[in-house]
Amino acid sequence: MSSRKRRSPSNSKAEAKKQRANRVVTPLETSIPLPNYTFRDLLGSGIIIESNPPPVQLEDLYRVHSIPYISRLLLECPVSNSKPSLVHFSPGNAGVKTTFLSSGSVDAIFHAAGACILAVDAVFGNYKEKVNSAFCVVRPPGHHCGRDGVEPLDTDNDLSQGFCFVNNVAASHAVDVYNSRVAIVDFDVHHGNGTEGIIRHLYDVFTAKNTSASSLQKFPYLFASLHQMTPLNTDGNVIDDDCFYPGTGATVPQSSTLSECIVNIPLKEGTKSEEFRINFENIVLTRLKKFSPDLIMISAGFDSHKDDIAGEVELLDDVI
């Protein structure tokens, strides 16, 4: 089964998506020295900007990724001025090659993850200023990267990692360092298959040590995702072979114990803001209240917007 994005009935939109798919996207190189500054009271809003967060530590990466995977990431990254200057890292094909490494990639990856760690520390009070919330504007992203990279979950999809190299290590940092309960809400138009795979792994590890029903309720993670997904047939397989990337994210049956920690809300092509809001309020908010998290982390992909060519969900901003 292919995991390419679904074809749009609009020729112009299909052509735009084709151009997007064929574009080579590489991580922002941060090897160029950046000014280390903090803006206080930006535009009178009280916003603090950290321009140069510390890189993530290996111990944080190993909380959610295997040592062999991180080792491969470090070993395959090309050095400066080497040939080739770009290396296709993700082993999956998914119709296009999307996930490349360059000489500046490790810096970008480690500082992006480090920014999220710093944000968690700040929210929990381990920062020079009082901070109630944080927004990390970082690249590369992470939610398609599983414990060992490519994460097909229960499918036979031949996936790429969708521009992602490491996942939300900050969530496990919050759990392990601050003994907190963490909810991850993902509203990117694409399912966070990597995040779900990591939550599944952490759940398996947790349940191996905690077998009673009361202990299972203490699992400190909740993952909720609203995303576009190609409909399934009665056999549970994707109807259209040209399915919407990554082809995962079906509703978790209530009979599965994973339904306590994974909430998938697949959306059909053409979903509007009203339907999205109803799903969010009736399902996601209800589960969040039941879970009672100490910290909510948001995978904020904005490609569910009507004007974004990445998908066919048609959300609008400022719709009440």
C-alpha atoms as a PDB file:
ATOM      1  CA  MET A   1       0.000   0.000   0.000  1.00  0.00           C
ATOM      2  CA  SER A   2       1.329   3.392  -0.969  1.00  0.00           C
ATOM      3  CA  SER A   3       1.474   6.263   1.503  1.00  0.00           C
ATOM      4  CA  ARG A   4       1.473   9.136  -0.945  1.00  0.00           C
ATOM      5  CA  LYS A   5      -0.873  12.042  -0.371  1.00  0.00           C
ATOM      6  CA  ARG A   6      -4.378  11.715  -1.825  1.00  0.00           C
ATOM      7  CA  ARG A   7      -4.970  13.292  -5.210  1.00  0.00           C
ATOM      8  CA  SER A   8      -7.162  16.375  -5.159  1.00  0.00           C
ATOM      9  CA  PRO A   9     -10.052  16.705  -7.624  1.00  0.00           C
ATOM     10  CA  SER A  10      -8.798  20.204  -8.366  1.00  0.00           C
ATOM     11  CA  ASN A  11      -6.159  20.179 -11.103  1.00  0.00           C
ATOM     12  CA  SER A  12      -4.560  23.384  -9.843  1.00  0.00           C
ATOM     13  CA  LYS A  13      -4.411  22.060  -6.297  1.00  0.00           C
ATOM     14  CA  ALA A  14      -3.087  18.709  -7.482  1.00  0.00           C
ATOM     15  CA  GLU A  15      -0.335  20.472  -9.406  1.00  0.00           C
ATOM     16  CA  ALA A  16       0.535  22.584  -6.363  1.00  0.00           C
ATOM     17  CA  LYS A  17       0.770  19.467  -4.215  1.00  0.00           C
ATOM     18  CA  LYS A  18       2.944  17.765  -6.823  1.00  0.00           C
ATOM     19  CA  GLN A  19       5.324  20.713  -6.792  1.00  0.00           C
ATOM     20  CA  ARG A  20       5.399  20.620  -2.997  1.00  0.00           C
ATOM     21  CA  ALA A  21       6.109  16.885  -2.951  1.00  0.00           C
ATOM     22  CA  ASN A  22       9.006  17.229  -5.386  1.00  0.00           C
ATOM     23  CA  ARG A  23      10.611  20.051  -3.449  1.00  0.00           C
ATOM     24  CA  VAL A  24      13.746  19.157  -1.528  1.00  0.00           C
ATOM     25  CA  VAL A  25      13.286  20.305   2.052  1.00  0.00           C
ATOM     26  CA  THR A  26      16.320  20.375   4.290  1.00  0.00           C
ATOM     27  CA  PRO A  27      16.621  21.437   7.928  1.00  0.00           C
ATOM     28  CA  LEU A  28      17.575  24.978   8.735  1.00  0.00           C
ATOM     29  CA  GLU A  29      21.299  25.066   9.315  1.00  0.00           C
ATOM     30  CA  THR A  30      22.129  26.699  12.635  1.00  0.00           C
ATOM     31  CA  SER A  31      25.884  26.358  12.407  1.00  0.00           C
ATOM     32  CA  ILE A  32      26.008  30.096  11.682  1.00  0.00           C
ATOM     33  CA  PRO A  33      26.524  31.876  15.023  1.00  0.00           C
ATOM     34  CA  LEU A  34      23.299  33.438  16.271  1.00  0.00           C
ATOM     35  CA  PRO A  35      23.082  36.428  18.612  1.00  0.00           C
ATOM     36  CA  ASN A  36      22.250  35.369  22.129  1.00  0.00           C
ATOM     37  CA  TYR A  37      19.549  37.780  23.206  1.00  0.00           C
ATOM     38  CA  THR A  38      16.418  37.955  25.299  1.00  0.00           C
ATOM     39  CA  PHE A  39      13.727  40.501  24.496  1.00  0.00           C
ATOM     40  CA  ARG A  40      11.684  41.520  27.498  1.00  0.00           C
ATOM     41  CA  ASP A  41       8.217  43.018  27.150  1.00  0.00           C
ATOM     42  CA  LEU A  42       8.170  42.635  23.364  1.00  0.00           C
ATOM     43  CA  LEU A  43       5.705  45.163  21.953  1.00  0.00           C
ATOM     44  CA  GLY A  44       4.322  45.613  25.440  1.00  0.00           C
ATOM     45  CA  SER A  45       3.065  42.010  25.507  1.00  0.00           C
ATOM     46  CA  GLY A  46       5.364  40.604  28.174  1.00  0.00           C
ATOM     47  CA  ILE A  47       6.769  38.050  25.716  1.00  0.00           C
ATOM     48  CA  ILE A  48      10.276  36.729  26.346  1.00  0.00           C
ATOM     49  CA  ILE A  49      12.209  35.497  23.310  1.00  0.00           C
ATOM     50  CA  GLU A  50      15.129  33.086  23.632  1.00  0.00           C
ATOM     51  CA  SER A  51      17.058  33.080  20.389  1.00  0.00           C
ATOM     52  CA  ASN A  52      19.708  30.468  21.098  1.00  0.00           C
ATOM     53  CA  PRO A  53      18.488  27.578  23.257  1.00  0.00           C
ATOM     54  CA  PRO A  54      20.976  24.959  24.460  1.00  0.00           C
ATOM     55  CA  PRO A  55      21.208  21.712  22.486  1.00  0.00           C
ATOM     56  CA  VAL A  56      19.357  18.669  23.737  1.00  0.00           C
ATOM     57  CA  GLN A  57      21.322  16.151  25.799  1.00  0.00           C
ATOM     58  CA  LEU A  58      21.672  12.538  24.679  1.00  0.00           C
ATOM     59  CA  GLU A  59      19.973  11.303  27.842  1.00  0.00           C
ATOM     60  CA  ASP A  60      16.844  13.201  26.804  1.00  0.00           C
ATOM     61  CA  LEU A  61      16.904  11.677  23.324  1.00  0.00           C
ATOM     62  CA  TYR A  62      17.327   8.171  24.759  1.00  0.00           C
ATOM     63  CA  ARG A  63      14.101   8.556  26.719  1.00  0.00           C
ATOM     64  CA  VAL A  64      12.118   8.188  23.492  1.00  0.00           C
ATOM     65  CA  HIS A  65      14.578   6.946  20.858  1.00  0.00           C
ATOM     66  CA  SER A  66      16.777   3.881  20.711  1.00  0.00           C
ATOM     67  CA  ILE A  67      20.528   4.285  20.990  1.00  0.00           C
ATOM     68  CA  PRO A  68      21.128   2.633  17.570  1.00  0.00           C
ATOM     69  CA  TYR A  69      18.776   5.111  15.897  1.00  0.00           C
ATOM     70  CA  ILE A  70      20.453   8.186  17.388  1.00  0.00           C
ATOM     71  CA  SER A  71      23.850   6.712  16.545  1.00  0.00           C
ATOM     72  CA  ARG A  72      22.806   6.257  12.910  1.00  0.00           C
ATOM     73  CA  LEU A  73      21.544   9.834  12.792  1.00  0.00           C
ATOM     74  CA  LEU A  74      24.897  11.145  14.015  1.00  0.00           C
ATOM     75  CA  LEU A  75      26.992   8.874  11.802  1.00  0.00           C
ATOM     76  CA  GLU A  76      25.100   9.556   8.565  1.00  0.00           C
ATOM     77  CA  CYS A  77      25.108  13.337   8.851  1.00  0.00           C
ATOM     78  CA  PRO A  78      27.645  14.643   6.283  1.00  0.00           C
ATOM     79  CA  VAL A  79      30.514  16.792   7.451  1.00  0.00           C
ATOM     80  CA  SER A  80      31.042  20.294   6.119  1.00  0.00           C
ATOM     81  CA  ASN A  81      32.133  20.509   2.464  1.00  0.00           C
ATOM     82  CA  SER A  82      31.675  16.757   1.978  1.00  0.00           C
ATOM     83  CA  LYS A  83      30.249  15.172  -1.178  1.00  0.00           C
ATOM     84  CA  PRO A  84      27.379  14.597  -1.430  1.00  0.00           C
ATOM     85  CA  SER A  85      26.285  17.599   0.589  1.00  0.00           C
ATOM     86  CA  LEU A  86      22.798  16.125   1.056  1.00  0.00           C
ATOM     87  CA  VAL A  87      22.128  12.576   2.245  1.00  0.00           C
ATOM     88  CA  HIS A  88      18.708  10.947   2.005  1.00  0.00           C
ATOM     89  CA  PHE A  89      18.298   9.691   5.555  1.00  0.00           C
ATOM     90  CA  SER A  90      14.825   8.166   5.776  1.00  0.00           C
ATOM     91  CA  PRO A  91      14.786   4.571   4.491  1.00  0.00           C
ATOM     92  CA  GLY A  92      11.112   4.673   3.447  1.00  0.00           C
ATOM     93  CA  ASN A  93      10.121   5.869  -0.013  1.00  0.00           C
ATOM     94  CA  ALA A  94       6.507   7.103   0.292  1.00  0.00           C
ATOM     95  CA  GLY A  95       6.623   8.084  -3.364  1.00  0.00           C
ATOM     96  CA  VAL A  96       9.089  10.916  -2.728  1.00  0.00           C
ATOM     97  CA  LYS A  97      12.304  11.470  -0.845  1.00  0.00           C
ATOM     98  CA  THR A  98      11.664  14.112   1.787  1.00  0.00           C
ATOM     99  CA  THR A  99      14.021  13.688   4.712  1.00  0.00           C
ATOM    100  CA  PHE A 100      17.606  14.723   4.050  1.00  0.00           C
ATOM    101  CA  LEU A 101      20.666  15.433   6.174  1.00  0.00           C
ATOM    102  CA  SER A 102      23.184  18.203   5.518  1.00  0.00           C
ATOM    103  CA  SER A 103      26.264  19.307   7.440  1.00  0.00           C
ATOM    104  CA  GLY A 104      24.165  21.644   9.577  1.00  0.00           C
ATOM    105  CA  SER A 105      21.411  19.166  10.353  1.00  0.00           C
ATOM    106  CA  VAL A 106      22.649  17.865  13.698  1.00  0.00           C
ATOM    107  CA  ASP A 107      22.949  21.409  15.028  1.00  0.00           C
ATOM    108  CA  ALA A 108      19.414  22.173  13.859  1.00  0.00           C
ATOM    109  CA  ILE A 109      17.982  18.934  15.243  1.00  0.00           C
ATOM    110  CA  PHE A 110      19.676  19.228  18.635  1.00  0.00           C
ATOM    111  CA  HIS A 111      18.825  22.904  19.125  1.00  0.00           C
ATOM    112  CA  ALA A 112      15.198  22.387  18.060  1.00  0.00           C
ATOM    113  CA  ALA A 113      14.776  19.602  20.614  1.00  0.00           C
ATOM    114  CA  GLY A 114      16.735  21.637  23.164  1.00  0.00           C
ATOM    115  CA  ALA A 115      14.339  24.548  22.726  1.00  0.00           C
ATOM    116  CA  CYS A 116      11.438  22.288  23.711  1.00  0.00           C
ATOM    117  CA  ILE A 117      13.340  21.056  26.764  1.00  0.00           C
ATOM    118  CA  LEU A 118      14.037  24.659  27.782  1.00  0.00           C
ATOM    119  CA  ALA A 119      10.351  25.494  27.311  1.00  0.00           C
ATOM    120  CA  VAL A 120       9.316  22.683  29.669  1.00  0.00           C
ATOM    121  CA  ASP A 121      11.875  23.777  32.260  1.00  0.00           C
ATOM    122  CA  ALA A 122      10.589  27.339  32.015  1.00  0.00           C
ATOM    123  CA  VAL A 123       6.946  26.388  32.471  1.00  0.00           C
ATOM    124  CA  PHE A 124       7.821  24.280  35.512  1.00  0.00           C
ATOM    125  CA  GLY A 125       9.650  27.210  37.089  1.00  0.00           C
ATOM    126  CA  ASN A 126      13.242  26.289  36.317  1.00  0.00           C
ATOM    127  CA  TYR A 127      13.965  29.544  34.504  1.00  0.00           C
ATOM    128  CA  LYS A 128      15.150  33.044  35.291  1.00  0.00           C
ATOM    129  CA  GLU A 129      11.682  34.487  34.673  1.00  0.00           C
ATOM    130  CA  LYS A 130       8.155  33.386  35.575  1.00  0.00           C
ATOM    131  CA  VAL A 131       6.660  31.667  32.532  1.00  0.00           C
ATOM    132  CA  ASN A 132       3.153  30.252  32.219  1.00  0.00           C
ATOM    133  CA  SER A 133       3.314  29.013  28.636  1.00  0.00           C
ATOM    134  CA  ALA A 134       5.815  28.716  25.805  1.00  0.00           C
ATOM    135  CA  PHE A 135       5.731  28.494  22.010  1.00  0.00           C
ATOM    136  CA  CYS A 136       8.679  26.889  20.218  1.00  0.00           C
ATOM    137  CA  VAL A 137       9.247  28.067  16.647  1.00  0.00           C
ATOM    138  CA  VAL A 138      11.664  25.350  15.564  1.00  0.00           C
ATOM    139  CA  ARG A 139      12.631  23.226  12.593  1.00  0.00           C
ATOM    140  CA  PRO A 140      12.897  20.391  11.881  1.00  0.00           C
ATOM    141  CA  PRO A 141       9.570  19.060  13.207  1.00  0.00           C
ATOM    142  CA  GLY A 142       9.193  15.693  14.922  1.00  0.00           C
ATOM    143  CA  HIS A 143       5.799  13.997  15.002  1.00  0.00           C
ATOM    144  CA  HIS A 144       6.465  11.567  12.117  1.00  0.00           C
ATOM    145  CA  CYS A 145       9.590  10.170  13.767  1.00  0.00           C
ATOM    146  CA  GLY A 146       9.145   7.047  15.868  1.00  0.00           C
ATOM    147  CA  ARG A 147      11.414   5.364  18.365  1.00  0.00           C
ATOM    148  CA  ASP A 148      13.593   3.938  15.583  1.00  0.00           C
ATOM    149  CA  GLY A 149      12.784   6.490  12.909  1.00  0.00           C
ATOM    150  CA  VAL A 150      10.158   5.316  10.419  1.00  0.00           C
ATOM    151  CA  GLU A 151       6.931   4.330  12.212  1.00  0.00           C
ATOM    152  CA  PRO A 152       4.363   2.419  10.101  1.00  0.00           C
ATOM    153  CA  LEU A 153       2.379   1.371  13.224  1.00  0.00           C
ATOM    154  CA  ASP A 154       0.094  -1.519  12.222  1.00  0.00           C
ATOM    155  CA  THR A 155       0.220  -0.811   8.479  1.00  0.00           C
ATOM    156  CA  ASP A 156       2.471  -2.043   5.699  1.00  0.00           C
ATOM    157  CA  ASN A 157       3.048   1.521   4.481  1.00  0.00           C
ATOM    158  CA  ASP A 158       6.465   2.269   3.024  1.00  0.00           C
ATOM    159  CA  LEU A 159       6.895   5.582   4.798  1.00  0.00           C
ATOM    160  CA  SER A 160       9.399   8.355   4.908  1.00  0.00           C
ATOM    161  CA  GLN A 161       9.884  10.306   8.133  1.00  0.00           C
ATOM    162  CA  GLY A 162       8.177  13.399   6.750  1.00  0.00           C
ATOM    163  CA  PHE A 163      11.020  15.893   7.451  1.00  0.00           C
ATOM    164  CA  CYS A 164      11.295  14.600  11.067  1.00  0.00           C
ATOM    165  CA  PHE A 165      14.428  13.333  12.831  1.00  0.00           C
ATOM    166  CA  VAL A 166      13.671  13.282  16.568  1.00  0.00           C
ATOM    167  CA  ASN A 167      10.313  13.417  18.292  1.00  0.00           C
ATOM    168  CA  ASN A 168       8.898  15.187  21.325  1.00  0.00           C
ATOM    169  CA  VAL A 169      11.618  14.362  23.827  1.00  0.00           C
ATOM    170  CA  ALA A 170      10.358  17.245  25.965  1.00  0.00           C
ATOM    171  CA  ALA A 171       7.257  15.265  26.943  1.00  0.00           C
ATOM    172  CA  SER A 172       9.339  12.513  28.540  1.00  0.00           C
ATOM    173  CA  HIS A 173      11.589  15.169  30.073  1.00  0.00           C
ATOM    174  CA  ALA A 174       8.508  16.625  31.782  1.00  0.00           C
ATOM    175  CA  VAL A 175       7.418  13.196  33.021  1.00  0.00           C
ATOM    176  CA  ASP A 176      10.799  11.995  34.253  1.00  0.00           C
ATOM    177  CA  VAL A 177      12.214  15.230  35.665  1.00  0.00           C
ATOM    178  CA  TYR A 178       9.054  16.857  37.027  1.00  0.00           C
ATOM    179  CA  ASN A 179       6.961  13.746  37.734  1.00  0.00           C
ATOM    180  CA  SER A 180       4.131  15.235  35.689  1.00  0.00           C
ATOM    181  CA  ARG A 181       1.229  13.965  33.629  1.00  0.00           C
ATOM    182  CA  VAL A 182       1.556  15.159  30.036  1.00  0.00           C
ATOM    183  CA  ALA A 183      -1.077  15.422  27.330  1.00  0.00           C
ATOM    184  CA  ILE A 184       0.038  15.870  23.714  1.00  0.00           C
ATOM    185  CA  VAL A 185      -2.564  17.376  21.381  1.00  0.00           C
ATOM    186  CA  ASP A 186      -1.705  17.217  17.671  1.00  0.00           C
ATOM    187  CA  PHE A 187      -3.823  19.175  15.156  1.00  0.00           C
ATOM    188  CA  ASP A 188      -1.490  18.880  12.169  1.00  0.00           C
ATOM    189  CA  VAL A 189      -3.371  17.714   9.065  1.00  0.00           C
ATOM    190  CA  HIS A 190      -1.131  14.622   9.029  1.00  0.00           C
ATOM    191  CA  HIS A 191      -1.347  11.994  11.749  1.00  0.00           C
ATOM    192  CA  GLY A 192       1.519  12.011  14.252  1.00  0.00           C
ATOM    193  CA  ASN A 193       2.402   8.379  13.618  1.00  0.00           C
ATOM    194  CA  GLY A 194       5.821   8.751  15.218  1.00  0.00           C
ATOM    195  CA  THR A 195       4.370  10.213  18.400  1.00  0.00           C
ATOM    196  CA  GLU A 196       1.767   7.449  18.622  1.00  0.00           C
ATOM    197  CA  GLY A 197       4.454   4.815  18.110  1.00  0.00           C
ATOM    198  CA  ILE A 198       6.522   6.249  20.949  1.00  0.00           C
ATOM    199  CA  ILE A 199       3.493   6.431  23.257  1.00  0.00           C
ATOM    200  CA  ARG A 200       2.749   2.796  22.433  1.00  0.00           C
ATOM    201  CA  HIS A 201       6.313   1.819  23.326  1.00  0.00           C
ATOM    202  CA  LEU A 202       6.252   3.784  26.582  1.00  0.00           C
ATOM    203  CA  TYR A 203       2.907   2.177  27.418  1.00  0.00           C
ATOM    204  CA  ASP A 204       4.331  -1.308  26.828  1.00  0.00           C
ATOM    205  CA  VAL A 205       7.265  -0.536  29.115  1.00  0.00           C
ATOM    206  CA  PHE A 206       4.929   0.894  31.760  1.00  0.00           C
ATOM    207  CA  THR A 207       2.476  -2.019  31.682  1.00  0.00           C
ATOM    208  CA  ALA A 208       5.302  -4.540  31.962  1.00  0.00           C
ATOM    209  CA  LYS A 209       6.082  -3.022  35.361  1.00  0.00           C
ATOM    210  CA  ASN A 210       2.526  -2.123  36.410  1.00  0.00           C
ATOM    211  CA  THR A 211      -0.034  -4.857  35.870  1.00  0.00           C
ATOM    212  CA  SER A 212      -2.964  -3.857  38.081  1.00  0.00           C
ATOM    213  CA  ALA A 213      -5.903  -1.880  36.684  1.00  0.00           C
ATOM    214  CA  SER A 214      -5.355   0.921  39.181  1.00  0.00           C
ATOM    215  CA  SER A 215      -1.704   1.199  38.171  1.00  0.00           C
ATOM    216  CA  LEU A 216      -2.543   1.406  34.476  1.00  0.00           C
ATOM    217  CA  GLN A 217      -4.633   4.508  35.145  1.00  0.00           C
ATOM    218  CA  LYS A 218      -1.444   6.206  36.308  1.00  0.00           C
ATOM    219  CA  PHE A 219       0.202   6.025  32.882  1.00  0.00           C
ATOM    220  CA  PRO A 220       1.459   9.622  32.569  1.00  0.00           C
ATOM    221  CA  TYR A 221       0.846  10.240  28.846  1.00  0.00           C
ATOM    222  CA  LEU A 222      -2.186  11.048  26.719  1.00  0.00           C
ATOM    223  CA  PHE A 223      -1.925  11.552  22.954  1.00  0.00           C
ATOM    224  CA  ALA A 224      -4.834  13.084  21.023  1.00  0.00           C
ATOM    225  CA  SER A 225      -4.678  13.730  17.286  1.00  0.00           C
ATOM    226  CA  LEU A 226      -7.142  15.258  14.825  1.00  0.00           C
ATOM    227  CA  HIS A 227      -5.956  14.621  11.280  1.00  0.00           C
ATOM    228  CA  GLN A 228      -7.029  13.894   7.739  1.00  0.00           C
ATOM    229  CA  MET A 229      -7.210  10.214   6.909  1.00  0.00           C
ATOM    230  CA  THR A 230      -8.385   8.212   3.915  1.00  0.00           C
ATOM    231  CA  PRO A 231     -11.516   6.197   4.883  1.00  0.00           C
ATOM    232  CA  LEU A 232     -11.142   2.524   5.775  1.00  0.00           C
ATOM    233  CA  ASN A 233     -13.122  -0.359   4.341  1.00  0.00           C
ATOM    234  CA  THR A 234     -14.810  -3.093   6.391  1.00  0.00           C
ATOM    235  CA  ASP A 235     -11.541  -5.010   6.643  1.00  0.00           C
ATOM    236  CA  GLY A 236      -9.855  -2.066   8.315  1.00  0.00           C
ATOM    237  CA  ASN A 237      -7.666  -1.269   5.316  1.00  0.00           C
ATOM    238  CA  VAL A 238      -7.388   2.030   3.496  1.00  0.00           C
ATOM    239  CA  ILE A 239      -9.881   2.103   0.608  1.00  0.00           C
ATOM    240  CA  ASP A 240      -7.777   4.218  -1.742  1.00  0.00           C
ATOM    241  CA  ASP A 241      -4.297   2.881  -2.492  1.00  0.00           C
ATOM    242  CA  ASP A 242      -3.227   6.485  -3.047  1.00  0.00           C
ATOM    243  CA  CYS A 243      -3.913   7.236   0.599  1.00  0.00           C
ATOM    244  CA  PHE A 244      -3.291  10.455   2.454  1.00  0.00           C
ATOM    245  CA  TYR A 245       0.102  10.481   4.191  1.00  0.00           C
ATOM    246  CA  PRO A 246       0.969   8.694   6.413  1.00  0.00           C
ATOM    247  CA  GLY A 247      -2.045   6.385   6.117  1.00  0.00           C
ATOM    248  CA  THR A 248      -2.241   5.824   9.879  1.00  0.00           C
ATOM    249  CA  GLY A 249      -4.374   7.259  12.665  1.00  0.00           C
ATOM    250  CA  ALA A 250      -7.540   5.154  12.721  1.00  0.00           C
ATOM    251  CA  THR A 251      -9.769   5.396  15.771  1.00  0.00           C
ATOM    252  CA  VAL A 252      -8.469   3.168  18.575  1.00  0.00           C
ATOM    253  CA  PRO A 253     -11.206   0.670  19.561  1.00  0.00           C
ATOM    254  CA  GLN A 254     -12.577   1.070  23.069  1.00  0.00           C
ATOM    255  CA  SER A 255     -11.830  -2.615  23.597  1.00  0.00           C
ATOM    256  CA  SER A 256      -8.117  -1.836  23.366  1.00  0.00           C
ATOM    257  CA  THR A 257      -6.298  -0.705  26.490  1.00  0.00           C
ATOM    258  CA  LEU A 258      -4.463   1.765  24.257  1.00  0.00           C
ATOM    259  CA  SER A 259      -7.701   3.734  23.981  1.00  0.00           C
ATOM    260  CA  GLU A 260      -6.964   5.052  27.472  1.00  0.00           C
ATOM    261  CA  CYS A 261      -3.870   6.880  26.245  1.00  0.00           C
ATOM    262  CA  ILE A 262      -4.346   7.335  22.476  1.00  0.00           C
ATOM    263  CA  VAL A 263      -7.241   9.314  20.984  1.00  0.00           C
ATOM    264  CA  ASN A 264      -7.271   9.381  17.186  1.00  0.00           C
ATOM    265  CA  ILE A 265      -9.910  11.454  15.407  1.00  0.00           C
ATOM    266  CA  PRO A 266      -9.615  10.843  11.649  1.00  0.00           C
ATOM    267  CA  LEU A 267     -11.153  13.584   9.513  1.00  0.00           C
ATOM    268  CA  LYS A 268     -12.463  13.178   5.997  1.00  0.00           C
ATOM    269  CA  GLU A 269     -11.460  15.357   3.080  1.00  0.00           C
ATOM    270  CA  GLY A 270     -13.369  18.649   3.145  1.00  0.00           C
ATOM    271  CA  THR A 271     -13.893  18.760   6.931  1.00  0.00           C
ATOM    272  CA  LYS A 272     -14.888  22.289   7.951  1.00  0.00           C
ATOM    273  CA  SER A 273     -14.163  24.276  11.096  1.00  0.00           C
ATOM    274  CA  GLU A 274     -17.536  23.567  12.722  1.00  0.00           C
ATOM    275  CA  GLU A 275     -17.094  19.790  12.561  1.00  0.00           C
ATOM    276  CA  PHE A 276     -13.495  20.091  13.734  1.00  0.00           C
ATOM    277  CA  ARG A 277     -14.564  22.227  16.698  1.00  0.00           C
ATOM    278  CA  ILE A 278     -17.323  19.767  17.656  1.00  0.00           C
ATOM    279  CA  ASN A 279     -14.836  16.881  17.658  1.00  0.00           C
ATOM    280  CA  PHE A 280     -12.354  18.891  19.655  1.00  0.00           C
ATOM    281  CA  GLU A 281     -14.831  20.031  22.290  1.00  0.00           C
ATOM    282  CA  ASN A 282     -16.766  16.778  22.643  1.00  0.00           C
ATOM    283  CA  ILE A 283     -13.870  14.324  22.470  1.00  0.00           C
ATOM    284  CA  VAL A 284     -10.495  15.960  23.051  1.00  0.00           C
ATOM    285  CA  LEU A 285     -11.526  18.348  25.815  1.00  0.00           C
ATOM    286  CA  THR A 286     -13.515  15.604  27.520  1.00  0.00           C
ATOM    287  CA  ARG A 287     -10.507  13.302  27.545  1.00  0.00           C
ATOM    288  CA  LEU A 288      -8.218  16.087  28.720  1.00  0.00           C
ATOM    289  CA  LYS A 289     -10.488  16.781  31.683  1.00  0.00           C
ATOM    290  CA  LYS A 290     -10.583  13.087  32.566  1.00  0.00           C
ATOM    291  CA  PHE A 291      -6.799  12.743  32.236  1.00  0.00           C
ATOM    292  CA  SER A 292      -6.125  15.929  34.260  1.00  0.00           C
ATOM    293  CA  PRO A 293      -2.658  16.749  32.873  1.00  0.00           C
ATOM    294  CA  ASP A 294      -0.048  18.879  34.589  1.00  0.00           C
ATOM    295  CA  LEU A 295       1.200  19.986  31.175  1.00  0.00           C
ATOM    296  CA  ILE A 296      -0.404  20.175  27.737  1.00  0.00           C
ATOM    297  CA  MET A 297       1.940  20.066  24.760  1.00  0.00           C
ATOM    298  CA  ILE A 298       0.603  20.975  21.308  1.00  0.00           C
ATOM    299  CA  SER A 299       1.985  19.724  18.012  1.00  0.00           C
ATOM    300  CA  ALA A 300       0.916  22.836  16.161  1.00  0.00           C
ATOM    301  CA  GLY A 301       0.919  22.065  12.464  1.00  0.00           C
ATOM    302  CA  PHE A 302      -1.162  24.697  10.693  1.00  0.00           C
ATOM    303  CA  ASP A 303      -1.594  22.767   7.443  1.00  0.00           C
ATOM    304  CA  SER A 304      -5.245  21.967   8.206  1.00  0.00           C
ATOM    305  CA  HIS A 305      -6.067  25.482   7.031  1.00  0.00           C
ATOM    306  CA  LYS A 306      -8.204  25.769   3.914  1.00  0.00           C
ATOM    307  CA  ASP A 307      -5.517  27.764   2.099  1.00  0.00           C
ATOM    308  CA  ASP A 308      -2.728  25.256   2.769  1.00  0.00           C
ATOM    309  CA  ILE A 309      -2.008  22.871  -0.103  1.00  0.00           C
ATOM    310  CA  ALA A 310      -0.685  20.118   2.181  1.00  0.00           C
ATOM    311  CA  GLY A 311      -4.114  18.617   2.784  1.00  0.00           C
ATOM    312  CA  GLU A 312      -7.833  18.826   2.091  1.00  0.00           C
ATOM    313  CA  VAL A 313      -9.158  19.729   5.544  1.00  0.00           C
ATOM    314  CA  GLU A 314     -10.694  23.179   5.211  1.00  0.00           C
ATOM    315  CA  LEU A 315     -10.311  24.981   8.530  1.00  0.00           C
ATOM    316  CA  LEU A 316     -10.616  28.747   8.807  1.00  0.00           C
ATOM    317  CA  ASP A 317      -9.116  31.030  11.445  1.00  0.00           C
ATOM    318  CA  ASP A 318     -11.299  33.106  13.794  1.00  0.00           C
ATOM    319  CA  VAL A 319     -14.388  30.980  13.314  1.00  0.00           C
ATOM    320  CA  ILE A 320     -16.625  30.947  16.400  1.00  0.00           C
END
